[in-house]
C-alpha atoms as a PDB file:
ATOM      1  CA  MET A   1     -90.493 225.262 138.961  1.00  0.00           C
ATOM      2  CA  THR A   2     -90.001 222.906 136.012  1.00  0.00           C
ATOM      3  CA  ARG A   3     -92.504 220.298 134.896  1.00  0.00           C
ATOM      4  CA  ALA A   4     -90.083 217.548 135.992  1.00  0.00           C
ATOM      5  CA  THR A   5     -89.869 219.089 139.470  1.00  0.00           C
ATOM      6  CA  VAL A   6     -93.664 219.241 139.698  1.00  0.00           C
ATOM      7  CA  ASP A   7     -93.871 215.580 138.617  1.00  0.00           C
ATOM      8  CA  VAL A   8     -91.294 214.462 141.188  1.00  0.00           C
ATOM      9  CA  THR A   9     -92.976 216.442 143.961  1.00  0.00           C
ATOM     10  CA  ALA A  10     -96.380 214.976 143.074  1.00  0.00           C
ATOM     11  CA  ARG A  11     -94.935 211.454 143.045  1.00  0.00           C
ATOM     12  CA  LEU A  12     -93.289 212.001 146.433  1.00  0.00           C
ATOM     13  CA  GLU A  13     -96.604 213.202 147.853  1.00  0.00           C
ATOM     14  CA  GLN A  14     -98.311 210.058 146.474  1.00  0.00           C
ATOM     15  CA  VAL A  15     -95.693 207.740 147.977  1.00  0.00           C
ATOM     16  CA  PHE A  16     -95.948 209.249 151.441  1.00  0.00           C
ATOM     17  CA  ALA A  17     -99.760 209.443 151.287  1.00  0.00           C
ATOM     18  CA  SER A  18    -100.009 205.777 150.303  1.00  0.00           C
ATOM     19  CA  ALA A  19     -97.837 204.909 153.288  1.00  0.00           C
ATOM     20  CA  GLY A  20     -99.998 207.026 155.569  1.00  0.00           C
ATOM     21  CA  ALA A  21     -96.990 209.172 156.407  1.00  0.00           C
ATOM     22  CA  ARG A  22     -95.777 212.722 156.080  1.00  0.00           C
ATOM     23  CA  GLY A  23     -92.388 213.045 154.448  1.00  0.00           C
ATOM     24  CA  PHE A  24     -89.777 215.717 153.991  1.00  0.00           C
ATOM     25  CA  VAL A  25     -87.297 215.654 151.112  1.00  0.00           C
ATOM     26  CA  HIS A  26     -84.862 218.186 149.726  1.00  0.00           C
ATOM     27  CA  ALA A  27     -82.349 217.339 147.017  1.00  0.00           C
ATOM     28  CA  ARG A  28     -80.109 219.771 145.150  1.00  0.00           C
ATOM     29  CA  GLU A  29     -77.574 219.479 142.383  1.00  0.00           C
ATOM     30  CA  VAL A  30     -74.050 219.649 143.764  1.00  0.00           C
ATOM     31  CA  ASP A  31     -72.757 221.878 140.988  1.00  0.00           C
ATOM     32  CA  GLY A  32     -75.947 223.504 139.745  1.00  0.00           C
ATOM     33  CA  ALA A  33     -79.124 225.236 140.792  1.00  0.00           C
ATOM     34  CA  ALA A  34     -81.665 222.466 140.205  1.00  0.00           C
ATOM     35  CA  GLU A  35     -83.537 221.221 143.251  1.00  0.00           C
ATOM     36  CA  VAL A  36     -86.628 219.283 144.206  1.00  0.00           C
ATOM     37  CA  GLY A  37     -88.362 219.046 147.522  1.00  0.00           C
ATOM     38  CA  LEU A  38     -91.351 218.102 149.560  1.00  0.00           C
ATOM     39  CA  SER A  39     -91.704 220.655 152.384  1.00  0.00           C
ATOM     40  CA  PRO A  40     -88.010 221.453 151.840  1.00  0.00           C
ATOM     41  CA  ASP A  41     -88.012 224.502 154.117  1.00  0.00           C
ATOM     42  CA  GLU A  42     -89.680 222.747 157.044  1.00  0.00           C
ATOM     43  CA  PRO A  43     -87.222 222.320 159.951  1.00  0.00           C
ATOM     44  CA  VAL A  44     -86.658 218.627 160.671  1.00  0.00           C
ATOM     45  CA  VAL A  45     -84.198 216.536 162.652  1.00  0.00           C
ATOM     46  CA  ALA A  46     -81.338 215.428 160.410  1.00  0.00           C
ATOM     47  CA  ALA A  47     -81.312 211.899 161.914  1.00  0.00           C
ATOM     48  CA  SER A  48     -79.840 209.390 159.473  1.00  0.00           C
ATOM     49  CA  THR A  49     -78.917 211.979 156.874  1.00  0.00           C
ATOM     50  CA  PHE A  50     -76.201 213.178 159.233  1.00  0.00           C
ATOM     51  CA  LYS A  51     -74.516 209.791 158.895  1.00  0.00           C
ATOM     52  CA  VAL A  52     -73.458 210.438 155.290  1.00  0.00           C
ATOM     53  CA  PRO A  53     -71.043 213.323 156.025  1.00  0.00           C
ATOM     54  CA  VAL A  54     -69.746 211.435 159.094  1.00  0.00           C
ATOM     55  CA  LEU A  55     -69.038 208.408 156.872  1.00  0.00           C
ATOM     56  CA  LEU A  56     -67.375 210.589 154.257  1.00  0.00           C
ATOM     57  CA  GLU A  57     -65.110 212.293 156.790  1.00  0.00           C
ATOM     58  CA  ALA A  58     -64.178 208.966 158.404  1.00  0.00           C
ATOM     59  CA  ALA A  59     -63.347 207.495 154.974  1.00  0.00           C
ATOM     60  CA  ILE A  60     -61.198 210.512 154.077  1.00  0.00           C
ATOM     61  CA  GLN A  61     -59.314 210.367 157.368  1.00  0.00           C
ATOM     62  CA  MET A  62     -58.757 206.610 157.043  1.00  0.00           C
ATOM     63  CA  ALA A  63     -57.537 207.004 153.444  1.00  0.00           C
ATOM     64  CA  GLU A  64     -55.128 209.764 154.494  1.00  0.00           C
ATOM     65  CA  GLY A  65     -53.835 207.729 157.440  1.00  0.00           C
ATOM     66  CA  ARG A  66     -55.157 210.169 160.057  1.00  0.00           C
ATOM     67  CA  LEU A  67     -57.659 207.650 161.448  1.00  0.00           C
ATOM     68  CA  ASP A  68     -56.706 204.039 162.095  1.00  0.00           C
ATOM     69  CA  PRO A  69     -59.590 201.845 160.879  1.00  0.00           C
ATOM     70  CA  THR A  70     -58.503 199.048 163.227  1.00  0.00           C
ATOM     71  CA  ALA A  71     -58.359 201.263 166.341  1.00  0.00           C
ATOM     72  CA  ARG A  72     -60.632 199.917 169.056  1.00  0.00           C
ATOM     73  CA  MET A  73     -63.451 202.117 170.350  1.00  0.00           C
ATOM     74  CA  ARG A  74     -65.586 201.522 173.416  1.00  0.00           C
ATOM     75  CA  VAL A  75     -69.248 202.445 173.216  1.00  0.00           C
ATOM     76  CA  PRO A  76     -70.762 202.595 176.701  1.00  0.00           C
ATOM     77  CA  VAL A  77     -74.453 202.007 177.307  1.00  0.00           C
ATOM     78  CA  GLU A  78     -74.862 205.498 178.727  1.00  0.00           C
ATOM     79  CA  GLY A  79     -75.343 208.204 176.122  1.00  0.00           C
ATOM     80  CA  ARG A  80     -76.482 205.975 173.272  1.00  0.00           C
ATOM     81  CA  ALA A  81     -79.352 207.117 171.105  1.00  0.00           C
ATOM     82  CA  PRO A  82     -82.456 205.011 171.690  1.00  0.00           C
ATOM     83  CA  GLY A  83     -83.511 202.623 168.978  1.00  0.00           C
ATOM     84  CA  PRO A  84     -84.592 199.067 168.270  1.00  0.00           C
ATOM     85  CA  THR A  85     -81.630 198.073 166.074  1.00  0.00           C
ATOM     86  CA  GLY A  86     -77.844 198.059 165.956  1.00  0.00           C
ATOM     87  CA  ILE A  87     -75.751 199.076 168.934  1.00  0.00           C
ATOM     88  CA  SER A  88     -78.746 200.885 170.448  1.00  0.00           C
ATOM     89  CA  ALA A  89     -80.369 197.513 171.058  1.00  0.00           C
ATOM     90  CA  PHE A  90     -77.350 196.119 172.944  1.00  0.00           C
ATOM     91  CA  ARG A  91     -77.599 196.048 176.719  1.00  0.00           C
ATOM     92  CA  ASP A  92     -73.877 195.979 177.424  1.00  0.00           C
ATOM     93  CA  GLU A  93     -70.832 198.062 176.559  1.00  0.00           C
ATOM     94  CA  VAL A  94     -69.515 197.362 173.064  1.00  0.00           C
ATOM     95  CA  GLU A  95     -65.937 197.472 171.787  1.00  0.00           C
ATOM     96  CA  MET A  96     -65.419 197.599 168.030  1.00  0.00           C
ATOM     97  CA  SER A  97     -62.953 198.837 165.471  1.00  0.00           C
ATOM     98  CA  VAL A  98     -63.533 202.262 163.935  1.00  0.00           C
ATOM     99  CA  ARG A  99     -64.159 200.556 160.582  1.00  0.00           C
ATOM    100  CA  ASP A 100     -66.820 198.265 162.075  1.00  0.00           C
ATOM    101  CA  LEU A 101     -68.469 201.172 163.901  1.00  0.00           C
ATOM    102  CA  VAL A 102     -68.740 203.125 160.646  1.00  0.00           C
ATOM    103  CA  SER A 103     -70.095 200.066 158.861  1.00  0.00           C
ATOM    104  CA  SER A 104     -72.609 199.450 161.642  1.00  0.00           C
ATOM    105  CA  MET A 105     -73.670 203.089 161.535  1.00  0.00           C
ATOM    106  CA  MET A 106     -74.563 202.815 157.858  1.00  0.00           C
ATOM    107  CA  THR A 107     -76.475 199.545 158.139  1.00  0.00           C
END
């Protein structure tokens, strides 16, 4: 473990401790072996991190013409993930374009 990695890990621990929270972080170089983490091997729910590859795939498919960004999608109330913001907070069925759904997902 490099000195920089130790410094980053210590800073992450400080940030989470000051917030009164426990955090999990794992970052790796895309084309190298460098990595840094805070409990990086602890199993956790992917939650919002899963949105990034979904966004990337949607963007690729839209750019290649395989996914119409203006296509309308219905999002029923049933089956939504619970949450206090975004579509989760809506009480009725929603209809949006694919592009707006992706944008909403990321905000």
